[in-house]
Amino acid sequence: MEKDIKIKIFDENGVEKEVVVVAYFTLTMNNKDYLIYTENKTDTNGNVEIYTSEVVNKEDGTTELLGIDDDNVWEEIKKVMVEIAKDGE
């Protein structure tokens, strides 16, 4: 059984959080990297909340997580999430 991979990120307010990596992948449609992660919190229905961000490696050696606003990209990410869910069954 694999151990959870944990990373530290900073939210939009600059607060450091430790999160668990669910998946890290590159979409072939745009050759950009994406991260699916969780804080292992659940919503009111008991579902684990997950988040997705575009991963951008900056010239200064830091990494930035960006929101996703392209509907076509979201459709492809949803496909990845479905595959992850199938693999977890």
Protein backbone atom coordinates (compact mmCIF):
# COMPACT_ATOMS: atom_id res chain seq x y z
CA MET A 1 0.00 0.00 0.00
CA GLU A 2 1.43 3.38 -1.03
CA LYS A 3 1.94 6.08 1.55
CA ASP A 4 0.28 9.41 1.03
CA ILE A 5 2.52 11.98 -0.64
CA LYS A 6 2.20 15.21 1.28
CA ILE A 7 3.31 18.63 0.12
CA LYS A 8 3.08 22.10 1.56
CA ILE A 9 1.30 24.81 -0.37
CA PHE A 10 0.32 28.39 0.33
CA ASP A 11 -3.30 29.38 -0.18
CA GLU A 12 -4.42 32.68 -1.72
CA ASN A 13 -4.02 34.35 1.71
CA GLY A 14 -0.44 33.14 2.12
CA VAL A 15 -1.37 30.54 4.74
CA GLU A 16 0.75 27.39 4.57
CA LYS A 17 -1.21 24.12 4.35
CA GLU A 18 -0.13 20.51 4.16
CA VAL A 19 -2.09 18.64 1.51
CA VAL A 20 -2.15 15.10 0.13
CA VAL A 21 -1.41 14.58 -3.55
CA VAL A 22 -4.12 12.57 -5.29
CA ALA A 23 -2.64 12.84 -8.78
CA TYR A 24 -0.05 14.78 -10.75
CA PHE A 25 -0.30 14.60 -14.52
CA THR A 26 0.25 16.36 -17.83
CA LEU A 27 -2.66 16.89 -20.22
CA THR A 28 -1.69 16.02 -23.78
CA MET A 29 -4.14 18.59 -25.18
CA ASN A 30 -2.06 21.53 -23.90
CA ASN A 31 1.09 19.91 -22.47
CA LYS A 32 0.48 21.59 -19.08
CA ASP A 33 0.90 19.98 -15.67
CA TYR A 34 -1.95 19.63 -13.16
CA LEU A 35 -2.24 18.62 -9.54
CA ILE A 36 -5.25 17.07 -7.83
CA TYR A 37 -4.97 17.26 -4.05
CA THR A 38 -6.95 17.12 -0.83
CA GLU A 39 -6.77 18.39 2.72
CA ASN A 40 -8.73 15.26 3.75
CA LYS A 41 -11.72 17.35 4.75
CA THR A 42 -15.26 16.24 3.97
CA ASP A 43 -18.27 18.20 2.80
CA THR A 44 -21.72 18.09 4.39
CA ASN A 45 -22.50 14.89 2.44
CA GLY A 46 -19.40 13.10 3.72
CA ASN A 47 -17.50 13.34 0.42
CA VAL A 48 -13.79 14.11 0.55
CA GLU A 49 -13.14 17.56 -0.90
CA ILE A 50 -10.57 17.62 -3.69
CA TYR A 51 -8.97 20.51 -5.52
CA THR A 52 -7.31 20.84 -8.89
CA SER A 53 -4.73 23.40 -10.00
CA GLU A 54 -2.46 24.02 -12.94
CA VAL A 55 1.17 23.68 -11.89
CA VAL A 56 3.50 26.38 -13.22
CA ASN A 57 7.24 26.19 -12.62
CA LYS A 58 8.52 29.74 -12.54
CA GLU A 59 11.91 30.99 -13.70
CA ASP A 60 12.95 31.82 -10.13
CA GLY A 61 12.71 28.13 -9.18
CA THR A 62 9.39 28.39 -7.36
CA THR A 63 6.18 26.62 -8.29
CA GLU A 64 2.79 28.29 -8.50
CA LEU A 65 -0.64 26.67 -8.46
CA LEU A 66 -3.17 28.40 -10.69
CA GLY A 67 -6.92 28.10 -10.98
CA ILE A 68 -8.47 26.55 -14.08
CA ASP A 69 -10.92 28.61 -16.10
CA ASP A 70 -10.93 26.80 -19.45
CA ASP A 71 -13.99 24.58 -19.90
CA ASN A 72 -12.18 22.27 -22.34
CA VAL A 73 -9.40 21.70 -19.82
CA TRP A 74 -11.99 20.97 -17.11
CA GLU A 75 -13.60 18.33 -19.31
CA GLU A 76 -10.24 16.58 -19.73
CA ILE A 77 -9.49 16.81 -16.01
CA LYS A 78 -12.89 15.27 -15.22
CA LYS A 79 -11.92 12.31 -17.41
CA VAL A 80 -8.73 11.89 -15.37
CA MET A 81 -10.76 12.04 -12.14
CA VAL A 82 -13.11 9.33 -13.41
CA GLU A 83 -10.12 7.09 -14.19
CA ILE A 84 -8.68 7.72 -10.72
CA ALA A 85 -12.03 6.82 -9.16
CA LYS A 86 -12.23 3.61 -11.23
CA ASP A 87 -8.71 2.62 -10.17
CA GLY A 88 -9.66 3.17 -6.53
CA GLU A 89 -12.64 0.80 -6.62
